[in-house]
Amino acid sequence: MSGSIPQKLWGGKIPAAFSLASYEVSSSKQPSPVYMMLPRSSYLSLFTSKMVEHFSHYMEEEKRGEVWFEFNGNPLRWHYPCGLLFDLHCDTASDLPWPITVHFQNFPQGELIRCNSEKEIQAHYMSVIKEADQLKHKGQVINGMRETQHDQLWHGVKMDNFDEFWSINKQFMSGFETTEYFRFIPLRVYFQNRIIQKLFKPSNNENLTLNEALTICLPSLFANDKTLPLKVKILTQGIEPPLTCSLQWLSENFSYADNFLHICVHQS
């Protein structure tokens, strides 16, 4: 897989600067930010321990609660991959390094799911990948794996080790039964605080393109609109793919580690 598209995308990192919320600082000295290169397929909550280690000396111990992250007033959903969060909320022209605010107080319970341990992150990741394989292969691949292979898959994501991850994940890239296509494409489209998920069966349309899929998901925006390129920006993995791309090819090459193709649509 040396030099493959999935490997190159895996190597893409997002520079980020984590700062403690100013109103939570109780020391006379303002803490310096934590600078990190975030893997696109990783999860913010995997870095919680680093935040606790760095910022806990600057705040009152009795006020330390569950860690959560925020950008521009938006609580960041830890169960989304880092790359998806960046594509949803940020502009590469103005938001690098990505300024993320770290909070230990006032957890926004109505907006975020609580995450108290790494096991919860792993459990969420495995539930999403099981959903993806149910769509791709009726769950035959994930159910045929040993528990140690599930653990290796997650360990590769956690440790940002592509080779360890891909040695297991490549099994999800085979076609369904005797075909060269997935049964359905695991696809989620994000538009104006909505998540749109529909069934796309590439074997019914071998030339199914991203444009056709988006037209079905967002007909009012994409149908019969020749000025579309001026109106919207489409992102996946930080890249603007051509609308003519095959959906099967995109799913094979641009899916995140959870095996979903996450497409962000921004309207200008």
C-alpha atoms as a PDB file:
ATOM      1  CA  MET A   1       0.000   0.000   0.000  1.00  0.00           C
ATOM      2  CA  SER A   2       3.030   2.274  -0.157  1.00  0.00           C
ATOM      3  CA  GLY A   3       2.022   5.560  -1.744  1.00  0.00           C
ATOM      4  CA  SER A   4      -1.666   4.592  -1.966  1.00  0.00           C
ATOM      5  CA  ILE A   5      -4.382   7.232  -1.661  1.00  0.00           C
ATOM      6  CA  PRO A   6      -5.643   5.913   1.721  1.00  0.00           C
ATOM      7  CA  GLN A   7      -2.089   5.952   3.060  1.00  0.00           C
ATOM      8  CA  LYS A   8      -1.445   9.494   1.828  1.00  0.00           C
ATOM      9  CA  LEU A   9      -4.714  10.710   3.354  1.00  0.00           C
ATOM     10  CA  TRP A  10      -3.836   8.966   6.611  1.00  0.00           C
ATOM     11  CA  GLY A  11      -0.578  10.919   6.672  1.00  0.00           C
ATOM     12  CA  GLY A  12      -2.464  14.205   6.491  1.00  0.00           C
ATOM     13  CA  LYS A  13      -2.391  16.029   9.815  1.00  0.00           C
ATOM     14  CA  ILE A  14      -4.146  19.143  11.143  1.00  0.00           C
ATOM     15  CA  PRO A  15      -2.005  21.570  13.171  1.00  0.00           C
ATOM     16  CA  ALA A  16      -3.947  22.534  16.295  1.00  0.00           C
ATOM     17  CA  ALA A  17      -3.417  24.822  19.277  1.00  0.00           C
ATOM     18  CA  PHE A  18      -5.311  23.825  22.448  1.00  0.00           C
ATOM     19  CA  SER A  19      -5.871  26.631  24.972  1.00  0.00           C
ATOM     20  CA  LEU A  20      -7.573  26.502  28.344  1.00  0.00           C
ATOM     21  CA  ALA A  21     -10.741  28.609  28.535  1.00  0.00           C
ATOM     22  CA  SER A  22      -9.656  31.945  30.030  1.00  0.00           C
ATOM     23  CA  TYR A  23     -12.444  32.041  32.647  1.00  0.00           C
ATOM     24  CA  GLU A  24     -11.303  28.654  33.987  1.00  0.00           C
ATOM     25  CA  VAL A  25      -7.734  29.802  34.703  1.00  0.00           C
ATOM     26  CA  SER A  26      -7.264  30.346  38.434  1.00  0.00           C
ATOM     27  CA  SER A  27      -3.488  30.850  38.537  1.00  0.00           C
ATOM     28  CA  SER A  28      -1.761  34.207  38.104  1.00  0.00           C
ATOM     29  CA  LYS A  29       0.083  32.828  35.106  1.00  0.00           C
ATOM     30  CA  GLN A  30      -1.704  32.115  31.824  1.00  0.00           C
ATOM     31  CA  PRO A  31      -0.908  28.579  30.584  1.00  0.00           C
ATOM     32  CA  SER A  32       0.753  28.198  27.208  1.00  0.00           C
ATOM     33  CA  PRO A  33      -1.207  26.367  24.490  1.00  0.00           C
ATOM     34  CA  VAL A  34      -0.647  22.717  23.670  1.00  0.00           C
ATOM     35  CA  TYR A  35       0.414  22.393  20.040  1.00  0.00           C
ATOM     36  CA  MET A  36      -0.315  19.125  18.256  1.00  0.00           C
ATOM     37  CA  MET A  37      -0.595  17.611  14.789  1.00  0.00           C
ATOM     38  CA  LEU A  38      -3.955  15.861  14.808  1.00  0.00           C
ATOM     39  CA  PRO A  39      -4.446  12.757  12.638  1.00  0.00           C
ATOM     40  CA  ARG A  40      -7.596  13.165  10.562  1.00  0.00           C
ATOM     41  CA  SER A  41      -8.969   9.740  11.501  1.00  0.00           C
ATOM     42  CA  SER A  42      -8.320  10.128  15.220  1.00  0.00           C
ATOM     43  CA  TYR A  43     -10.680  11.454  17.918  1.00  0.00           C
ATOM     44  CA  LEU A  44     -10.250  14.511  20.147  1.00  0.00           C
ATOM     45  CA  SER A  45     -11.020  12.590  23.322  1.00  0.00           C
ATOM     46  CA  LEU A  46      -7.912  10.460  22.788  1.00  0.00           C
ATOM     47  CA  PHE A  47      -5.912  13.574  23.719  1.00  0.00           C
ATOM     48  CA  THR A  48      -7.798  14.340  26.930  1.00  0.00           C
ATOM     49  CA  SER A  49      -5.013  13.011  29.159  1.00  0.00           C
ATOM     50  CA  LYS A  50      -2.528  15.423  27.548  1.00  0.00           C
ATOM     51  CA  MET A  51      -4.869  18.318  28.304  1.00  0.00           C
ATOM     52  CA  VAL A  52      -5.317  17.248  31.930  1.00  0.00           C
ATOM     53  CA  GLU A  53      -1.562  16.857  32.374  1.00  0.00           C
ATOM     54  CA  HIS A  54      -0.806  20.288  30.919  1.00  0.00           C
ATOM     55  CA  PHE A  55      -3.660  22.455  32.220  1.00  0.00           C
ATOM     56  CA  SER A  56      -4.585  20.954  35.601  1.00  0.00           C
ATOM     57  CA  HIS A  57      -1.920  23.033  37.405  1.00  0.00           C
ATOM     58  CA  TYR A  58      -3.592  26.268  36.305  1.00  0.00           C
ATOM     59  CA  MET A  59      -7.051  25.694  37.759  1.00  0.00           C
ATOM     60  CA  GLU A  60      -8.709  24.835  41.036  1.00  0.00           C
ATOM     61  CA  GLU A  61      -8.858  21.071  41.530  1.00  0.00           C
ATOM     62  CA  GLU A  62     -12.407  21.082  42.888  1.00  0.00           C
ATOM     63  CA  LYS A  63     -13.618  22.760  39.700  1.00  0.00           C
ATOM     64  CA  ARG A  64     -12.137  20.166  37.344  1.00  0.00           C
ATOM     65  CA  GLY A  65     -14.903  18.221  35.659  1.00  0.00           C
ATOM     66  CA  GLU A  66     -15.205  16.340  32.394  1.00  0.00           C
ATOM     67  CA  VAL A  67     -13.017  17.678  29.584  1.00  0.00           C
ATOM     68  CA  TRP A  68     -14.716  18.973  26.448  1.00  0.00           C
ATOM     69  CA  PHE A  69     -13.570  20.939  23.422  1.00  0.00           C
ATOM     70  CA  GLU A  70     -14.949  23.993  21.653  1.00  0.00           C
ATOM     71  CA  PHE A  71     -14.207  26.063  18.571  1.00  0.00           C
ATOM     72  CA  ASN A  72     -15.791  29.448  17.819  1.00  0.00           C
ATOM     73  CA  GLY A  73     -18.598  28.824  20.296  1.00  0.00           C
ATOM     74  CA  ASN A  74     -19.353  25.349  18.898  1.00  0.00           C
ATOM     75  CA  PRO A  75     -18.879  22.348  21.205  1.00  0.00           C
ATOM     76  CA  LEU A  76     -16.901  19.748  19.234  1.00  0.00           C
ATOM     77  CA  ARG A  77     -18.388  16.268  19.049  1.00  0.00           C
ATOM     78  CA  TRP A  78     -15.709  13.857  20.211  1.00  0.00           C
ATOM     79  CA  HIS A  79     -17.352  10.948  18.341  1.00  0.00           C
ATOM     80  CA  TYR A  80     -16.626  12.612  14.979  1.00  0.00           C
ATOM     81  CA  PRO A  81     -13.154  12.069  13.477  1.00  0.00           C
ATOM     82  CA  CYS A  82     -10.867  15.105  13.838  1.00  0.00           C
ATOM     83  CA  GLY A  83     -10.737  15.623  10.074  1.00  0.00           C
ATOM     84  CA  LEU A  84     -14.513  15.687   9.810  1.00  0.00           C
ATOM     85  CA  LEU A  85     -14.757  18.231  12.635  1.00  0.00           C
ATOM     86  CA  PHE A  86     -12.223  20.471  10.903  1.00  0.00           C
ATOM     87  CA  ASP A  87     -13.995  20.233   7.537  1.00  0.00           C
ATOM     88  CA  LEU A  88     -17.328  21.037   9.202  1.00  0.00           C
ATOM     89  CA  HIS A  89     -16.217  24.065  11.220  1.00  0.00           C
ATOM     90  CA  CYS A  90     -13.015  25.526   9.799  1.00  0.00           C
ATOM     91  CA  ASP A  91     -11.482  27.400   6.915  1.00  0.00           C
ATOM     92  CA  THR A  92      -7.929  26.426   5.995  1.00  0.00           C
ATOM     93  CA  ALA A  93      -7.261  30.015   4.946  1.00  0.00           C
ATOM     94  CA  SER A  94      -7.850  31.455   8.413  1.00  0.00           C
ATOM     95  CA  ASP A  95      -8.111  28.677  11.013  1.00  0.00           C
ATOM     96  CA  LEU A  96      -4.611  27.180  11.047  1.00  0.00           C
ATOM     97  CA  PRO A  97      -3.327  26.243  13.466  1.00  0.00           C
ATOM     98  CA  TRP A  98      -6.799  25.186  14.539  1.00  0.00           C
ATOM     99  CA  PRO A  99      -7.529  27.132  17.773  1.00  0.00           C
ATOM    100  CA  ILE A 100      -9.388  24.733  20.065  1.00  0.00           C
ATOM    101  CA  THR A 101     -10.587  25.804  23.505  1.00  0.00           C
ATOM    102  CA  VAL A 102     -10.331  23.220  26.288  1.00  0.00           C
ATOM    103  CA  HIS A 103     -12.958  23.221  29.032  1.00  0.00           C
ATOM    104  CA  PHE A 104     -13.101  21.444  32.398  1.00  0.00           C
ATOM    105  CA  GLN A 105     -16.333  23.110  33.526  1.00  0.00           C
ATOM    106  CA  ASN A 106     -19.937  23.619  32.352  1.00  0.00           C
ATOM    107  CA  PHE A 107     -20.220  20.470  30.227  1.00  0.00           C
ATOM    108  CA  PRO A 108     -22.900  21.139  27.534  1.00  0.00           C
ATOM    109  CA  GLN A 109     -24.984  18.074  28.315  1.00  0.00           C
ATOM    110  CA  GLY A 110     -27.677  18.828  25.768  1.00  0.00           C
ATOM    111  CA  GLU A 111     -25.164  19.139  22.926  1.00  0.00           C
ATOM    112  CA  LEU A 112     -22.460  16.556  23.593  1.00  0.00           C
ATOM    113  CA  ILE A 113     -22.335  12.882  24.489  1.00  0.00           C
ATOM    114  CA  ARG A 114     -20.316  12.225  27.617  1.00  0.00           C
ATOM    115  CA  CYS A 115     -17.050  10.333  27.237  1.00  0.00           C
ATOM    116  CA  ASN A 116     -15.478   9.052  30.441  1.00  0.00           C
ATOM    117  CA  SER A 117     -12.924   6.578  29.134  1.00  0.00           C
ATOM    118  CA  GLU A 118     -11.023   5.355  26.114  1.00  0.00           C
ATOM    119  CA  LYS A 119     -13.214   2.235  26.135  1.00  0.00           C
ATOM    120  CA  GLU A 120     -16.186   4.444  25.256  1.00  0.00           C
ATOM    121  CA  ILE A 121     -14.318   5.871  22.260  1.00  0.00           C
ATOM    122  CA  GLN A 122     -13.375   2.374  21.118  1.00  0.00           C
ATOM    123  CA  ALA A 123     -16.941   1.115  21.596  1.00  0.00           C
ATOM    124  CA  HIS A 124     -18.293   3.993  19.509  1.00  0.00           C
ATOM    125  CA  TYR A 125     -15.701   3.417  16.780  1.00  0.00           C
ATOM    126  CA  MET A 126     -16.530  -0.293  16.591  1.00  0.00           C
ATOM    127  CA  SER A 127     -20.274   0.382  16.450  1.00  0.00           C
ATOM    128  CA  VAL A 128     -19.789   2.717  13.458  1.00  0.00           C
ATOM    129  CA  ILE A 129     -17.499   0.301  11.629  1.00  0.00           C
ATOM    130  CA  LYS A 130     -20.032  -2.500  12.217  1.00  0.00           C
ATOM    131  CA  GLU A 131     -22.727  -0.294  10.689  1.00  0.00           C
ATOM    132  CA  ALA A 132     -20.461   0.399   7.711  1.00  0.00           C
ATOM    133  CA  ASP A 133     -19.778  -3.300   7.155  1.00  0.00           C
ATOM    134  CA  GLN A 134     -23.469  -4.101   7.489  1.00  0.00           C
ATOM    135  CA  LEU A 135     -23.991  -1.765   4.539  1.00  0.00           C
ATOM    136  CA  LYS A 136     -20.983  -3.061   2.595  1.00  0.00           C
ATOM    137  CA  HIS A 137     -21.127  -6.814   3.216  1.00  0.00           C
ATOM    138  CA  LYS A 138     -24.180  -7.555   5.441  1.00  0.00           C
ATOM    139  CA  GLY A 139     -21.725  -7.599   8.351  1.00  0.00           C
ATOM    140  CA  GLN A 140     -19.967 -10.697   7.009  1.00  0.00           C
ATOM    141  CA  VAL A 141     -16.446  -9.247   7.240  1.00  0.00           C
ATOM    142  CA  ILE A 142     -16.595  -7.791  10.756  1.00  0.00           C
ATOM    143  CA  ASN A 143     -18.427 -10.847  12.115  1.00  0.00           C
ATOM    144  CA  GLY A 144     -15.814 -13.140  10.590  1.00  0.00           C
ATOM    145  CA  MET A 145     -12.967 -11.408  12.428  1.00  0.00           C
ATOM    146  CA  ARG A 146     -11.477 -12.466  15.723  1.00  0.00           C
ATOM    147  CA  GLU A 147     -11.669 -10.160  18.730  1.00  0.00           C
ATOM    148  CA  THR A 148      -7.901  -9.654  18.489  1.00  0.00           C
ATOM    149  CA  GLN A 149      -8.377  -8.274  14.960  1.00  0.00           C
ATOM    150  CA  HIS A 150     -10.989  -5.814  16.227  1.00  0.00           C
ATOM    151  CA  ASP A 151      -8.499  -4.714  18.874  1.00  0.00           C
ATOM    152  CA  GLN A 152      -5.710  -4.380  16.302  1.00  0.00           C
ATOM    153  CA  LEU A 153      -7.938  -2.240  14.085  1.00  0.00           C
ATOM    154  CA  TRP A 154      -8.612   0.154  16.961  1.00  0.00           C
ATOM    155  CA  HIS A 155      -5.003   0.095  18.153  1.00  0.00           C
ATOM    156  CA  GLY A 156      -3.883   1.193  14.685  1.00  0.00           C
ATOM    157  CA  VAL A 157      -6.257   4.176  14.845  1.00  0.00           C
ATOM    158  CA  LYS A 158      -5.279   5.072  18.412  1.00  0.00           C
ATOM    159  CA  MET A 159      -1.552   4.885  17.737  1.00  0.00           C
ATOM    160  CA  ASP A 160      -1.801   6.494  14.275  1.00  0.00           C
ATOM    161  CA  ASN A 161      -0.203   3.394  12.735  1.00  0.00           C
ATOM    162  CA  PHE A 162      -1.441   2.996   9.170  1.00  0.00           C
ATOM    163  CA  ASP A 163       0.211  -0.355   8.472  1.00  0.00           C
ATOM    164  CA  GLU A 164      -1.269  -1.949  11.591  1.00  0.00           C
ATOM    165  CA  PHE A 165      -4.688  -0.485  10.778  1.00  0.00           C
ATOM    166  CA  TRP A 166      -4.668  -1.322   7.066  1.00  0.00           C
ATOM    167  CA  SER A 167      -3.560  -4.922   7.553  1.00  0.00           C
ATOM    168  CA  ILE A 168      -7.061  -5.496   8.973  1.00  0.00           C
ATOM    169  CA  ASN A 169      -9.070  -2.717   7.304  1.00  0.00           C
ATOM    170  CA  LYS A 170      -8.213  -3.872   3.749  1.00  0.00           C
ATOM    171  CA  GLN A 171     -10.671  -6.736   4.260  1.00  0.00           C
ATOM    172  CA  PHE A 172     -13.513  -4.188   4.281  1.00  0.00           C
ATOM    173  CA  MET A 173     -12.489  -2.991   0.805  1.00  0.00           C
ATOM    174  CA  SER A 174     -13.466  -6.180  -1.018  1.00  0.00           C
ATOM    175  CA  GLY A 175     -16.654  -6.284  -3.069  1.00  0.00           C
ATOM    176  CA  PHE A 176     -19.852  -7.876  -1.787  1.00  0.00           C
ATOM    177  CA  GLU A 177     -19.916 -11.613  -2.451  1.00  0.00           C
ATOM    178  CA  THR A 178     -18.859 -12.181  -6.096  1.00  0.00           C
ATOM    179  CA  THR A 179     -19.095  -8.540  -7.218  1.00  0.00           C
ATOM    180  CA  GLU A 180     -16.483  -5.785  -7.301  1.00  0.00           C
ATOM    181  CA  TYR A 181     -18.877  -3.370  -5.594  1.00  0.00           C
ATOM    182  CA  PHE A 182     -20.018  -2.792  -2.045  1.00  0.00           C
ATOM    183  CA  ARG A 183     -23.598  -3.830  -1.290  1.00  0.00           C
ATOM    184  CA  PHE A 184     -24.328  -0.225  -0.294  1.00  0.00           C
ATOM    185  CA  ILE A 185     -21.993   2.771   0.102  1.00  0.00           C
ATOM    186  CA  PRO A 186     -21.536   3.915   3.739  1.00  0.00           C
ATOM    187  CA  LEU A 187     -22.142   7.631   3.153  1.00  0.00           C
ATOM    188  CA  ARG A 188     -23.069  10.542   5.389  1.00  0.00           C
ATOM    189  CA  VAL A 189     -23.670  14.029   4.014  1.00  0.00           C
ATOM    190  CA  TYR A 190     -23.420  17.010   6.384  1.00  0.00           C
ATOM    191  CA  PHE A 191     -25.300  20.188   5.474  1.00  0.00           C
ATOM    192  CA  GLN A 192     -26.461  23.040   7.734  1.00  0.00           C
ATOM    193  CA  ASN A 193     -26.516  21.015  10.983  1.00  0.00           C
ATOM    194  CA  ARG A 194     -28.217  18.120   9.207  1.00  0.00           C
ATOM    195  CA  ILE A 195     -26.860  14.635   8.586  1.00  0.00           C
ATOM    196  CA  ILE A 196     -28.317  12.961   5.508  1.00  0.00           C
ATOM    197  CA  GLN A 197     -27.869   9.236   5.047  1.00  0.00           C
ATOM    198  CA  LYS A 198     -29.441   7.321   2.151  1.00  0.00           C
ATOM    199  CA  LEU A 199     -28.862   3.918   0.561  1.00  0.00           C
ATOM    200  CA  PHE A 200     -26.767   3.889  -2.608  1.00  0.00           C
ATOM    201  CA  LYS A 201     -26.280   0.545  -4.346  1.00  0.00           C
ATOM    202  CA  PRO A 202     -23.422   0.850  -6.852  1.00  0.00           C
ATOM    203  CA  SER A 203     -24.182  -2.507  -8.518  1.00  0.00           C
ATOM    204  CA  ASN A 204     -27.476  -0.980  -9.751  1.00  0.00           C
ATOM    205  CA  ASN A 205     -25.555   1.906 -11.338  1.00  0.00           C
ATOM    206  CA  GLU A 206     -21.892   1.188 -12.039  1.00  0.00           C
ATOM    207  CA  ASN A 207     -21.293   4.831 -12.967  1.00  0.00           C
ATOM    208  CA  LEU A 208     -22.962   6.334  -9.881  1.00  0.00           C
ATOM    209  CA  THR A 209     -21.192   9.640  -9.230  1.00  0.00           C
ATOM    210  CA  LEU A 210     -20.864  11.962  -6.269  1.00  0.00           C
ATOM    211  CA  ASN A 211     -23.030  14.499  -8.099  1.00  0.00           C
ATOM    212  CA  GLU A 212     -25.863  11.973  -8.506  1.00  0.00           C
ATOM    213  CA  ALA A 213     -25.670  10.988  -4.848  1.00  0.00           C
ATOM    214  CA  LEU A 214     -25.699  14.615  -3.673  1.00  0.00           C
ATOM    215  CA  THR A 215     -28.618  15.384  -5.994  1.00  0.00           C
ATOM    216  CA  ILE A 216     -30.605  12.636  -4.267  1.00  0.00           C
ATOM    217  CA  CYS A 217     -29.529  13.796  -0.798  1.00  0.00           C
ATOM    218  CA  LEU A 218     -29.972  17.534  -1.453  1.00  0.00           C
ATOM    219  CA  PRO A 219     -32.252  17.881  -4.508  1.00  0.00           C
ATOM    220  CA  SER A 220     -33.128  21.529  -3.856  1.00  0.00           C
ATOM    221  CA  LEU A 221     -29.443  22.441  -3.966  1.00  0.00           C
ATOM    222  CA  PHE A 222     -28.019  20.194  -6.670  1.00  0.00           C
ATOM    223  CA  ALA A 223     -30.769  19.432  -9.174  1.00  0.00           C
ATOM    224  CA  ASN A 224     -30.446  21.271 -12.506  1.00  0.00           C
ATOM    225  CA  ASP A 225     -28.213  24.024 -11.168  1.00  0.00           C
ATOM    226  CA  LYS A 226     -25.455  25.076 -13.581  1.00  0.00           C
ATOM    227  CA  THR A 227     -24.091  27.674 -11.148  1.00  0.00           C
ATOM    228  CA  LEU A 228     -23.522  25.053  -8.458  1.00  0.00           C
ATOM    229  CA  PRO A 229     -19.697  25.401  -8.284  1.00  0.00           C
ATOM    230  CA  LEU A 230     -20.140  29.047  -7.292  1.00  0.00           C
ATOM    231  CA  LYS A 231     -22.649  28.229  -4.571  1.00  0.00           C
ATOM    232  CA  VAL A 232     -21.216  25.306  -2.654  1.00  0.00           C
ATOM    233  CA  LYS A 233     -17.976  23.873  -1.388  1.00  0.00           C
ATOM    234  CA  ILE A 234     -17.798  20.108  -1.025  1.00  0.00           C
ATOM    235  CA  LEU A 235     -15.150  18.593   1.249  1.00  0.00           C
ATOM    236  CA  THR A 236     -14.079  15.140   2.269  1.00  0.00           C
ATOM    237  CA  GLN A 237     -10.740  14.467   3.955  1.00  0.00           C
ATOM    238  CA  GLY A 238      -9.948  18.163   3.486  1.00  0.00           C
ATOM    239  CA  ILE A 239     -10.132  17.808  -0.306  1.00  0.00           C
ATOM    240  CA  GLU A 240     -12.683  19.092  -2.823  1.00  0.00           C
ATOM    241  CA  PRO A 241     -13.432  16.024  -4.972  1.00  0.00           C
ATOM    242  CA  PRO A 242     -14.771  16.436  -8.528  1.00  0.00           C
ATOM    243  CA  LEU A 243     -18.517  15.869  -8.683  1.00  0.00           C
ATOM    244  CA  THR A 244     -17.865  13.384 -11.489  1.00  0.00           C
ATOM    245  CA  CYS A 245     -16.007  11.008  -9.121  1.00  0.00           C
ATOM    246  CA  SER A 246     -17.351   7.483  -8.866  1.00  0.00           C
ATOM    247  CA  LEU A 247     -19.006   6.987  -5.469  1.00  0.00           C
ATOM    248  CA  GLN A 248     -17.578   3.453  -5.238  1.00  0.00           C
ATOM    249  CA  TRP A 249     -14.062   4.755  -5.926  1.00  0.00           C
ATOM    250  CA  LEU A 250     -14.456   7.527  -3.353  1.00  0.00           C
ATOM    251  CA  SER A 251     -15.658   5.027  -0.761  1.00  0.00           C
ATOM    252  CA  GLU A 252     -12.675   2.762  -1.412  1.00  0.00           C
ATOM    253  CA  ASN A 253     -10.119   5.578  -1.247  1.00  0.00           C
ATOM    254  CA  PHE A 254     -11.496   8.506   0.791  1.00  0.00           C
ATOM    255  CA  SER A 255     -13.379   6.811   3.624  1.00  0.00           C
ATOM    256  CA  TYR A 256     -12.271   7.552   7.172  1.00  0.00           C
ATOM    257  CA  ALA A 257     -10.997   4.834   9.500  1.00  0.00           C
ATOM    258  CA  ASP A 258     -14.623   4.141  10.485  1.00  0.00           C
ATOM    259  CA  ASN A 259     -15.243   3.108   6.825  1.00  0.00           C
ATOM    260  CA  PHE A 260     -17.769   5.895   6.228  1.00  0.00           C
ATOM    261  CA  LEU A 261     -17.449   8.438   3.468  1.00  0.00           C
ATOM    262  CA  HIS A 262     -18.101  11.760   5.257  1.00  0.00           C
ATOM    263  CA  ILE A 263     -19.069  14.553   2.826  1.00  0.00           C
ATOM    264  CA  CYS A 264     -19.379  18.151   4.048  1.00  0.00           C
ATOM    265  CA  VAL A 265     -21.437  20.554   1.930  1.00  0.00           C
ATOM    266  CA  HIS A 266     -20.995  24.275   2.621  1.00  0.00           C
ATOM    267  CA  GLN A 267     -23.246  26.834   0.965  1.00  0.00           C
ATOM    268  CA  SER A 268     -21.698  30.227   0.189  1.00  0.00           C
END
